[in-house]
Amino acid sequence: MNYRYRIYPNITQEQSLFDWMDVCCVAYNYGLREIKDWCNSRKCMVDRCSISHEYIMAADASFPSEVKQLNALPKAKKAFNC
C-alpha cells in the first residue's frame, strides 16, 4: 500500500527546500567525484601513464569509503556554513 502526500510550501519554505536540495546535490557530486578520481588514478600502468591525460594520486591514498566520506561531512558543513 502506498500513500502520496502533496505539500504546498510557501515562498520561504520553497526556497529553503531548494537550498537543501542544492547542498545535497553538491555533497553527492563531490563524493562521487572523489571515488571516480581514485578509481581513474589506478586504471593505467605506472610506466604508461600520460601526465596530461591521466589522474595521478599517491599510491598509498586509501579508497574514499562511505564511512570516511560520512565522517568528513561535519567538517564540510562547517566549511560551507550550512
Protein backbone atom coordinates (compact mmCIF):
# COMPACT_ATOMS: atom_id res chain seq x y z
CA MET A 1 0.00 0.00 0.00
CA ASN A 2 1.40 3.40 -0.97
CA TYR A 3 0.49 6.87 0.18
CA ARG A 4 1.18 10.03 -1.72
CA TYR A 5 1.13 13.35 0.08
CA ARG A 6 1.10 16.68 -1.67
CA ILE A 7 2.68 19.65 0.03
CA TYR A 8 2.10 23.31 -0.69
CA PRO A 9 5.06 25.23 0.71
CA ASN A 10 5.06 28.98 0.89
CA ILE A 11 7.83 31.02 -0.78
CA THR A 12 10.29 30.89 2.13
CA GLN A 13 9.76 27.16 2.67
CA GLU A 14 10.19 26.53 -1.04
CA GLN A 15 13.46 28.49 -1.08
CA SER A 16 14.66 26.55 1.96
CA LEU A 17 13.87 23.25 0.23
CA PHE A 18 15.74 24.35 -2.90
CA ASP A 19 18.74 25.36 -0.78
CA TRP A 20 18.81 21.96 0.96
CA MET A 21 18.49 20.15 -2.36
CA ASP A 22 21.38 22.18 -3.74
CA VAL A 23 23.58 21.34 -0.73
CA CYS A 24 22.71 17.65 -1.04
CA CYS A 25 23.47 17.71 -4.77
CA VAL A 26 26.87 19.35 -4.24
CA ALA A 27 27.78 16.91 -1.43
CA TYR A 28 26.75 13.88 -3.51
CA ASN A 29 28.63 15.05 -6.60
CA TYR A 30 31.75 15.82 -4.55
CA GLY A 31 31.73 12.33 -3.01
CA LEU A 32 31.14 10.72 -6.39
CA ARG A 33 33.99 12.74 -7.95
CA GLU A 34 36.28 11.66 -5.10
CA ILE A 35 35.54 7.99 -5.79
CA LYS A 36 35.84 8.36 -9.58
CA ASP A 37 39.17 10.19 -9.27
CA TRP A 38 40.52 7.43 -7.04
CA CYS A 39 39.38 4.72 -9.47
CA ASN A 40 40.70 6.58 -12.53
CA SER A 41 44.09 7.01 -10.89
CA ARG A 42 44.50 3.24 -10.78
CA LYS A 43 43.39 2.36 -14.31
CA CYS A 44 46.66 2.56 -16.20
CA MET A 45 50.06 1.05 -15.54
CA VAL A 46 52.53 3.40 -13.91
CA ASP A 47 55.09 3.19 -16.72
CA ARG A 48 52.47 4.00 -19.39
CA CYS A 49 50.54 6.91 -17.85
CA SER A 50 50.42 10.26 -19.54
CA ILE A 51 50.66 13.14 -17.06
CA SER A 52 48.33 15.31 -19.12
CA HIS A 53 45.62 12.67 -19.63
CA GLU A 54 45.67 10.51 -16.52
CA TYR A 55 44.78 11.07 -12.91
CA ILE A 56 47.82 10.75 -10.70
CA MET A 57 47.30 10.29 -6.99
CA ALA A 58 49.55 8.99 -4.26
CA ALA A 59 49.87 5.23 -4.33
CA ASP A 60 49.16 4.98 -0.61
CA ALA A 61 45.94 7.05 -0.85
CA SER A 62 43.20 4.89 0.60
CA PHE A 63 39.85 4.34 -1.05
CA PRO A 64 37.31 7.04 -0.08
CA SER A 65 34.84 4.65 1.50
CA GLU A 66 31.34 5.53 2.62
CA VAL A 67 32.41 5.68 6.27
CA LYS A 68 35.26 8.09 5.54
CA GLN A 69 33.01 10.32 3.47
CA LEU A 70 30.28 10.32 6.14
CA ASN A 71 32.84 11.22 8.80
CA ALA A 72 34.02 14.13 6.64
CA LEU A 73 30.53 15.65 6.35
CA PRO A 74 30.60 17.61 9.66
CA LYS A 75 33.85 19.30 8.62
CA ALA A 76 32.38 20.15 5.22
CA LYS A 77 29.27 21.50 6.89
CA LYS A 78 31.39 23.89 8.93
CA ALA A 79 33.47 24.85 5.89
CA PHE A 80 30.40 25.66 3.78
CA ASN A 81 28.48 27.26 6.69
CA CYS A 82 25.46 25.00 6.25
